[in-house]
Amino acid sequence: MDTTNTVIDRISERDFLSSMQLAEAMGDMTSLAAMFHAYRKLSRSTDPGVQSEYARLRSVLEAGQQIEQQHGRGSLFRLDHPSVSLFTAKGVISPSELANAAHHQASLSGQNLLCA
């Protein structure tokens, strides 16, 4: 018996948004996408603050997925984020995702130098 939905449904909207915000802060588009899929009732919230943040995070996800299509899965991971460091040490984040993130961040640093 799959109890995933019932467990997720017990989490408050704001607590679930906090988890989504953590995924955003980490640059983890895969987890953020999974959260949108797992907690669909969030889109029907009657709380204007929840609706606003939900829409903002949806935009973040859409933009992030476009970047990851171009630069590879994991390219938006923030390598200096403590949770990314922890998940890297535990082997949760793959070497290819880490390489994509490092390469993408290096390319952004190069662009910033050109604009300076």
C-alpha atoms as a PDB file:
ATOM      1  CA  MET A   1       0.000   0.000   0.000  1.00  0.00           C
ATOM      2  CA  ASP A   2       1.393   3.375  -1.043  1.00  0.00           C
ATOM      3  CA  THR A   3       1.102   5.834   1.826  1.00  0.00           C
ATOM      4  CA  THR A   4       3.254   8.554   0.234  1.00  0.00           C
ATOM      5  CA  ASN A   5       0.342  10.821  -0.647  1.00  0.00           C
ATOM      6  CA  THR A   6      -1.283  10.536   2.761  1.00  0.00           C
ATOM      7  CA  VAL A   7       1.974  11.362   4.529  1.00  0.00           C
ATOM      8  CA  ILE A   8       2.642  14.341   2.249  1.00  0.00           C
ATOM      9  CA  ASP A   9      -0.925  15.562   2.657  1.00  0.00           C
ATOM     10  CA  ARG A  10      -0.330  15.863   6.420  1.00  0.00           C
ATOM     11  CA  ILE A  11       2.455  18.406   5.903  1.00  0.00           C
ATOM     12  CA  SER A  12       1.275  21.994   6.130  1.00  0.00           C
ATOM     13  CA  GLU A  13       1.403  24.139   3.004  1.00  0.00           C
ATOM     14  CA  ARG A  14       3.932  26.509   4.538  1.00  0.00           C
ATOM     15  CA  ASP A  15       6.186  23.686   5.733  1.00  0.00           C
ATOM     16  CA  PHE A  16       6.122  22.138   2.282  1.00  0.00           C
ATOM     17  CA  LEU A  17       6.927  25.528   0.743  1.00  0.00           C
ATOM     18  CA  SER A  18       9.927  25.711   3.082  1.00  0.00           C
ATOM     19  CA  SER A  19      11.172  22.415   1.652  1.00  0.00           C
ATOM     20  CA  MET A  20      10.685  23.735  -1.856  1.00  0.00           C
ATOM     21  CA  GLN A  21      12.599  26.888  -0.928  1.00  0.00           C
ATOM     22  CA  LEU A  22      15.446  24.733   0.375  1.00  0.00           C
ATOM     23  CA  ALA A  23      15.582  22.893  -2.955  1.00  0.00           C
ATOM     24  CA  GLU A  24      15.699  26.278  -4.692  1.00  0.00           C
ATOM     25  CA  ALA A  25      18.480  27.507  -2.386  1.00  0.00           C
ATOM     26  CA  MET A  26      20.480  24.356  -3.159  1.00  0.00           C
ATOM     27  CA  GLY A  27      19.864  24.728  -6.891  1.00  0.00           C
ATOM     28  CA  ASP A  28      18.227  21.287  -6.897  1.00  0.00           C
ATOM     29  CA  MET A  29      15.782  21.407  -9.799  1.00  0.00           C
ATOM     30  CA  THR A  30      15.190  17.642  -9.725  1.00  0.00           C
ATOM     31  CA  SER A  31      13.902  17.747  -6.155  1.00  0.00           C
ATOM     32  CA  LEU A  32      11.948  20.919  -6.788  1.00  0.00           C
ATOM     33  CA  ALA A  33      10.187  19.286  -9.759  1.00  0.00           C
ATOM     34  CA  ALA A  34       9.429  16.195  -7.696  1.00  0.00           C
ATOM     35  CA  MET A  35       7.907  18.363  -4.976  1.00  0.00           C
ATOM     36  CA  PHE A  36       5.599  20.089  -7.441  1.00  0.00           C
ATOM     37  CA  HIS A  37       4.458  16.653  -8.563  1.00  0.00           C
ATOM     38  CA  ALA A  38       4.090  15.226  -5.047  1.00  0.00           C
ATOM     39  CA  TYR A  39       2.088  18.033  -3.427  1.00  0.00           C
ATOM     40  CA  ARG A  40      -0.352  19.046  -6.131  1.00  0.00           C
ATOM     41  CA  LYS A  41      -2.916  20.440  -3.699  1.00  0.00           C
ATOM     42  CA  LEU A  42      -0.563  23.370  -3.120  1.00  0.00           C
ATOM     43  CA  SER A  43      -1.735  24.805  -6.447  1.00  0.00           C
ATOM     44  CA  ARG A  44      -5.267  24.971  -5.028  1.00  0.00           C
ATOM     45  CA  SER A  45      -4.321  26.792  -1.840  1.00  0.00           C
ATOM     46  CA  THR A  46      -6.629  29.573  -0.715  1.00  0.00           C
ATOM     47  CA  ASP A  47      -3.751  31.386   1.010  1.00  0.00           C
ATOM     48  CA  PRO A  48      -2.624  34.315  -1.188  1.00  0.00           C
ATOM     49  CA  GLY A  49       0.914  34.159   0.234  1.00  0.00           C
ATOM     50  CA  VAL A  50       1.184  30.472  -0.596  1.00  0.00           C
ATOM     51  CA  GLN A  51      -0.184  31.099  -4.085  1.00  0.00           C
ATOM     52  CA  SER A  52       2.332  33.880  -4.690  1.00  0.00           C
ATOM     53  CA  GLU A  53       5.291  31.797  -3.544  1.00  0.00           C
ATOM     54  CA  TYR A  54       4.019  28.768  -5.464  1.00  0.00           C
ATOM     55  CA  ALA A  55       3.915  30.839  -8.669  1.00  0.00           C
ATOM     56  CA  ARG A  56       7.395  32.238  -8.017  1.00  0.00           C
ATOM     57  CA  LEU A  57       8.826  28.766  -7.414  1.00  0.00           C
ATOM     58  CA  ARG A  58       7.106  27.486 -10.569  1.00  0.00           C
ATOM     59  CA  SER A  59       8.907  30.216 -12.537  1.00  0.00           C
ATOM     60  CA  VAL A  60      12.197  29.303 -10.862  1.00  0.00           C
ATOM     61  CA  LEU A  61      11.666  25.661 -11.808  1.00  0.00           C
ATOM     62  CA  GLU A  62      10.802  26.429 -15.427  1.00  0.00           C
ATOM     63  CA  ALA A  63      13.854  28.658 -15.849  1.00  0.00           C
ATOM     64  CA  GLY A  64      16.062  26.153 -14.038  1.00  0.00           C
ATOM     65  CA  GLN A  65      14.904  23.268 -16.200  1.00  0.00           C
ATOM     66  CA  GLN A  66      15.777  25.251 -19.317  1.00  0.00           C
ATOM     67  CA  ILE A  67      19.274  25.893 -17.980  1.00  0.00           C
ATOM     68  CA  GLU A  68      19.704  22.233 -17.045  1.00  0.00           C
ATOM     69  CA  GLN A  69      18.580  21.157 -20.507  1.00  0.00           C
ATOM     70  CA  GLN A  70      21.426  23.218 -21.899  1.00  0.00           C
ATOM     71  CA  HIS A  71      24.118  22.609 -19.270  1.00  0.00           C
ATOM     72  CA  GLY A  72      23.185  19.215 -17.850  1.00  0.00           C
ATOM     73  CA  ARG A  73      21.360  17.860 -14.854  1.00  0.00           C
ATOM     74  CA  GLY A  74      22.639  19.339 -11.610  1.00  0.00           C
ATOM     75  CA  SER A  75      24.249  22.328 -13.295  1.00  0.00           C
ATOM     76  CA  LEU A  76      22.451  24.699 -10.929  1.00  0.00           C
ATOM     77  CA  PHE A  77      23.600  23.020  -7.716  1.00  0.00           C
ATOM     78  CA  ARG A  78      25.177  25.623  -5.452  1.00  0.00           C
ATOM     79  CA  LEU A  79      28.364  23.841  -4.522  1.00  0.00           C
ATOM     80  CA  ASP A  80      28.923  26.096  -1.504  1.00  0.00           C
ATOM     81  CA  HIS A  81      25.515  25.324   0.037  1.00  0.00           C
ATOM     82  CA  PRO A  82      25.860  23.254   3.251  1.00  0.00           C
ATOM     83  CA  SER A  83      23.182  20.744   2.204  1.00  0.00           C
ATOM     84  CA  VAL A  84      24.823  20.236  -1.181  1.00  0.00           C
ATOM     85  CA  SER A  85      28.117  19.589   0.625  1.00  0.00           C
ATOM     86  CA  LEU A  86      26.413  17.089   2.923  1.00  0.00           C
ATOM     87  CA  PHE A  87      24.656  15.263   0.078  1.00  0.00           C
ATOM     88  CA  THR A  88      27.886  15.214  -1.905  1.00  0.00           C
ATOM     89  CA  ALA A  89      29.748  13.622   1.012  1.00  0.00           C
ATOM     90  CA  LYS A  90      27.002  11.000   1.347  1.00  0.00           C
ATOM     91  CA  GLY A  91      27.099  10.206  -2.375  1.00  0.00           C
ATOM     92  CA  VAL A  92      23.544  11.411  -3.011  1.00  0.00           C
ATOM     93  CA  ILE A  93      24.646  13.847  -5.717  1.00  0.00           C
ATOM     94  CA  SER A  94      26.314  12.111  -8.636  1.00  0.00           C
ATOM     95  CA  PRO A  95      29.787  12.996  -9.905  1.00  0.00           C
ATOM     96  CA  SER A  96      28.282  14.001 -13.261  1.00  0.00           C
ATOM     97  CA  GLU A  97      25.900  16.435 -11.556  1.00  0.00           C
ATOM     98  CA  LEU A  98      28.800  17.914  -9.590  1.00  0.00           C
ATOM     99  CA  ALA A  99      30.846  18.252 -12.767  1.00  0.00           C
ATOM    100  CA  ASN A 100      27.917  19.967 -14.506  1.00  0.00           C
ATOM    101  CA  ALA A 101      27.552  22.379 -11.585  1.00  0.00           C
ATOM    102  CA  ALA A 102      31.265  23.174 -11.490  1.00  0.00           C
ATOM    103  CA  HIS A 103      31.397  23.706 -15.245  1.00  0.00           C
ATOM    104  CA  HIS A 104      28.301  25.915 -15.270  1.00  0.00           C
ATOM    105  CA  GLN A 105      29.529  28.022 -12.343  1.00  0.00           C
ATOM    106  CA  ALA A 106      32.921  28.424 -14.011  1.00  0.00           C
ATOM    107  CA  SER A 107      31.244  29.603 -17.210  1.00  0.00           C
ATOM    108  CA  LEU A 108      29.216  32.152 -15.239  1.00  0.00           C
ATOM    109  CA  SER A 109      32.369  33.424 -13.528  1.00  0.00           C
ATOM    110  CA  GLY A 110      33.962  33.909 -16.924  1.00  0.00           C
ATOM    111  CA  GLN A 111      30.951  35.905 -18.139  1.00  0.00           C
ATOM    112  CA  ASN A 112      31.097  38.127 -15.059  1.00  0.00           C
ATOM    113  CA  LEU A 113      34.766  38.873 -15.722  1.00  0.00           C
ATOM    114  CA  LEU A 114      33.945  39.867 -19.299  1.00  0.00           C
ATOM    115  CA  CYS A 115      31.254  42.288 -18.119  1.00  0.00           C
ATOM    116  CA  ALA A 116      33.395  43.957 -15.482  1.00  0.00           C
END
